[in-house]
Amino acid sequence: MVVVTRWSGEATGKEYAGRFDALAATGVDVHGEATLCESLVTPPARVLDAGCGTGRVAIRLAERGFTCVGVDLDPSMLDVARSRAPELRWVEADLSALDLGETFDLVVAAGNVVPLVAEATEAATVERLAAHVGDGGVLVAGFGLDRAHLPTVATTLTLADYDAWCAGAGLRLERRLATWDGEPYARGGYAVSIHRRG
């Protein structure tokens, strides 16, 4: 079996969705990523949810009036996404070679997407995500920077490397946050980076 991403085998779509369903049932707000995205673009802006998993972010944004497309490599994740929102477009694809032939107002990579792609494809993945950001659009990515903030299978990345990959793809850093809730970044173990084209 060829391992295409570090995520492979970590959890099925049903298991992953179940974790968030359980959190939501206790009253926890599980929509921080979507809320931040909403503050950056307005409906009916086009949003690409890259590494969408079970579609939690894309589905929430679609409910808010955004036009959303979700992409993931894990068919079990996409099965859940399709069952929960069959009206949305769900694409099974490798992010490091992604070419949808279209651009978006916002591309979001939540849930440690970049540290979980296949080894040595991180820079290519960022380049392909950036290629889908239209003029004036944004790429928003949140990921852990140390072992305490990452799944055990993920690699650690530096913000300097990530910023350089974005810059090489024509995106400039606009803002960096410590959480999806908007707290300012203060050199902690997790960061949400907002890069803009143009």
Protein backbone atom coordinates (compact mmCIF):
# COMPACT_ATOMS: atom_id res chain seq x y z
CA MET A 1 0.00 0.00 0.00
CA VAL A 2 1.31 3.46 -0.93
CA VAL A 3 0.99 6.04 1.84
CA VAL A 4 0.03 9.26 0.09
CA THR A 5 -0.40 11.40 3.19
CA ARG A 6 0.73 11.15 6.78
CA TRP A 7 -2.95 11.11 7.81
CA SER A 8 -3.59 7.73 6.14
CA GLY A 9 -5.12 5.28 8.60
CA GLU A 10 -5.39 7.74 11.49
CA ALA A 11 -9.20 7.64 11.64
CA THR A 12 -12.14 6.84 9.41
CA GLY A 13 -14.49 9.57 8.33
CA LYS A 14 -17.20 8.35 10.69
CA GLU A 15 -14.78 8.31 13.65
CA TYR A 16 -13.45 11.77 12.84
CA ALA A 17 -16.92 13.26 12.40
CA GLY A 18 -18.02 11.58 15.61
CA ARG A 19 -15.38 13.46 17.61
CA PHE A 20 -16.73 16.83 16.48
CA ASP A 21 -20.35 15.73 16.83
CA ALA A 22 -19.64 14.78 20.45
CA LEU A 23 -17.98 18.12 21.14
CA ALA A 24 -20.85 20.03 19.56
CA ALA A 25 -23.34 18.05 21.65
CA THR A 26 -21.67 19.39 24.82
CA GLY A 27 -22.09 22.97 23.63
CA VAL A 28 -18.55 23.50 22.35
CA ASP A 29 -18.36 25.82 19.34
CA VAL A 30 -16.76 23.71 16.62
CA HIS A 31 -17.01 26.39 13.94
CA GLY A 32 -14.09 28.68 14.76
CA GLU A 33 -12.47 28.12 11.37
CA ALA A 34 -15.65 29.00 9.48
CA THR A 35 -16.24 32.06 11.66
CA LEU A 36 -12.76 33.40 10.89
CA CYS A 37 -13.26 32.75 7.18
CA GLU A 38 -16.55 34.66 7.35
CA SER A 39 -14.68 37.68 8.69
CA LEU A 40 -12.39 37.71 5.64
CA VAL A 41 -14.85 37.35 2.75
CA THR A 42 -18.57 37.87 2.31
CA PRO A 43 -21.22 35.66 0.70
CA PRO A 44 -21.52 34.48 -1.98
CA ALA A 45 -17.69 34.39 -2.12
CA ARG A 46 -16.15 31.21 -3.49
CA VAL A 47 -14.35 29.09 -0.89
CA LEU A 48 -12.09 26.08 -1.36
CA ASP A 49 -11.87 23.89 1.73
CA ALA A 50 -8.54 22.13 1.15
CA GLY A 51 -8.12 18.94 3.14
CA CYS A 52 -11.81 19.25 3.96
CA GLY A 53 -12.12 15.94 5.79
CA THR A 54 -15.77 15.34 6.58
CA GLY A 55 -16.72 18.80 5.35
CA ARG A 56 -17.36 20.54 8.65
CA VAL A 57 -15.95 23.93 7.56
CA ALA A 58 -17.32 23.91 4.01
CA ILE A 59 -20.79 22.84 5.15
CA ARG A 60 -20.95 25.59 7.75
CA LEU A 61 -19.83 28.22 5.24
CA ALA A 62 -22.31 26.97 2.66
CA GLU A 63 -25.06 27.34 5.26
CA ARG A 64 -23.93 30.97 5.58
CA GLY A 65 -24.32 31.61 1.87
CA PHE A 66 -20.82 30.92 0.55
CA THR A 67 -20.15 28.89 -2.59
CA CYS A 68 -17.98 26.01 -1.38
CA VAL A 69 -15.91 23.20 -2.85
CA GLY A 70 -14.23 20.61 -0.64
CA VAL A 71 -11.14 18.58 -1.55
CA ASP A 72 -9.66 15.65 0.31
CA LEU A 73 -7.69 12.50 -0.48
CA ASP A 74 -9.45 10.24 2.04
CA PRO A 75 -12.55 8.61 0.51
CA SER A 76 -13.99 7.73 3.93
CA MET A 77 -13.91 11.40 4.90
CA LEU A 78 -15.55 12.42 1.65
CA ASP A 79 -18.25 9.75 2.11
CA VAL A 80 -19.33 11.53 5.29
CA ALA A 81 -19.13 14.97 3.64
CA ARG A 82 -21.25 13.80 0.71
CA SER A 83 -23.82 12.22 3.00
CA ARG A 84 -24.14 15.42 5.03
CA ALA A 85 -24.17 17.87 2.13
CA PRO A 86 -24.82 16.09 -1.18
CA GLU A 87 -25.57 19.41 -2.87
CA LEU A 88 -21.95 20.58 -2.46
CA ARG A 89 -19.05 19.66 -4.73
CA TRP A 90 -16.62 17.21 -3.11
CA VAL A 91 -13.43 16.31 -4.97
CA GLU A 92 -11.09 13.41 -4.18
CA ALA A 93 -7.59 14.65 -5.01
CA ASP A 94 -4.01 14.94 -3.78
CA LEU A 95 -3.43 18.54 -2.67
CA SER A 96 0.20 18.48 -3.81
CA ALA A 97 -0.96 18.05 -7.41
CA LEU A 98 -4.29 19.87 -7.20
CA ASP A 99 -5.49 21.60 -10.36
CA LEU A 100 -9.20 22.41 -10.40
CA GLY A 101 -8.76 24.90 -13.24
CA GLU A 102 -10.42 27.68 -11.25
CA THR A 103 -9.65 30.18 -8.50
CA PHE A 104 -11.38 31.11 -5.27
CA ASP A 105 -11.82 34.15 -3.06
CA LEU A 106 -10.60 32.14 -0.08
CA VAL A 107 -8.73 28.87 0.31
CA VAL A 108 -8.78 27.42 3.81
CA ALA A 109 -6.56 24.62 5.12
CA ALA A 110 -7.74 23.85 8.65
CA GLY A 111 -6.83 20.94 10.89
CA ASN A 112 -3.04 20.67 10.41
CA VAL A 113 -3.43 20.00 6.69
CA VAL A 114 0.04 21.12 5.60
CA PRO A 115 1.98 19.15 8.27
CA LEU A 116 -0.04 16.04 7.36
CA VAL A 117 0.61 15.91 3.61
CA ALA A 118 3.04 13.31 2.27
CA GLU A 119 6.69 13.76 3.15
CA ALA A 120 8.54 16.27 0.93
CA THR A 121 5.32 17.57 -0.65
CA GLU A 122 4.72 20.45 1.78
CA ALA A 123 6.12 23.18 -0.50
CA ALA A 124 4.34 21.77 -3.56
CA THR A 125 1.09 21.63 -1.60
CA VAL A 126 1.34 25.27 -0.57
CA GLU A 127 2.14 26.22 -4.18
CA ARG A 128 -0.92 24.33 -5.45
CA LEU A 129 -3.19 25.87 -2.79
CA ALA A 130 -1.88 29.33 -3.65
CA ALA A 131 -2.51 28.67 -7.36
CA HIS A 132 -6.21 28.45 -6.50
CA VAL A 133 -6.27 31.86 -4.77
CA GLY A 134 -7.70 34.53 -7.08
CA ASP A 135 -6.65 38.18 -7.32
CA GLY A 136 -7.16 39.81 -3.93
CA GLY A 137 -8.03 36.44 -2.42
CA VAL A 138 -6.65 34.85 0.71
CA LEU A 139 -5.10 31.58 1.84
CA VAL A 140 -5.82 30.79 5.49
CA ALA A 141 -3.99 27.89 7.14
CA GLY A 142 -3.78 26.82 10.75
CA PHE A 143 -1.33 24.25 12.04
CA GLY A 144 0.75 23.23 15.02
CA LEU A 145 4.39 24.20 15.23
CA ASP A 146 5.58 21.73 17.86
CA ARG A 147 4.89 18.16 18.91
CA ALA A 148 2.41 19.25 21.59
CA HIS A 149 0.14 20.81 18.97
CA LEU A 150 0.34 18.15 16.25
CA PRO A 151 -0.91 14.61 15.66
CA THR A 152 1.89 12.10 16.22
CA VAL A 153 2.18 11.35 12.50
CA ALA A 154 2.54 15.01 11.43
CA THR A 155 5.82 16.73 10.67
CA THR A 156 6.88 20.00 12.28
CA LEU A 157 7.14 23.02 10.02
CA THR A 158 8.54 26.47 10.64
CA LEU A 159 6.60 29.64 9.95
CA ALA A 160 9.64 30.97 8.09
CA ASP A 161 9.47 28.07 5.64
CA TYR A 162 5.70 28.36 5.27
CA ASP A 163 5.93 32.13 4.63
CA ALA A 164 8.68 31.56 2.07
CA TRP A 165 6.56 28.99 0.21
CA CYS A 166 3.66 31.43 0.18
CA ALA A 167 5.87 34.30 -1.00
CA GLY A 168 7.26 32.13 -3.77
CA ALA A 169 3.68 31.54 -4.91
CA GLY A 170 2.86 35.26 -4.95
CA LEU A 171 1.15 35.60 -1.57
CA ARG A 172 2.09 38.06 1.17
CA LEU A 173 1.55 37.62 4.88
CA GLU A 174 -1.29 39.85 6.01
CA ARG A 175 -1.89 38.67 9.56
CA ARG A 176 -0.97 35.87 11.95
CA LEU A 177 -3.17 34.66 14.80
CA ALA A 178 -2.67 32.26 17.68
CA THR A 179 -6.10 30.63 17.30
CA TRP A 180 -9.03 30.46 14.92
CA ASP A 181 -10.84 32.64 17.46
CA GLY A 182 -8.60 35.56 16.49
CA GLU A 183 -6.18 35.84 19.40
CA PRO A 184 -2.96 37.63 18.36
CA TYR A 185 0.00 35.36 17.69
CA ALA A 186 2.68 35.53 20.37
CA ARG A 187 5.15 32.82 19.34
CA GLY A 188 3.10 29.92 20.68
CA GLY A 189 2.89 26.36 19.44
CA TYR A 190 0.00 26.94 17.03
CA ALA A 191 -0.55 29.60 14.39
CA VAL A 192 -3.20 30.63 11.91
CA SER A 193 -1.65 32.45 8.96
CA ILE A 194 -3.53 34.69 6.54
CA HIS A 195 -1.76 35.34 3.24
CA ARG A 196 -3.22 37.48 0.44
CA ARG A 197 -2.61 37.71 -3.29
CA GLY A 198 -2.06 41.25 -4.56
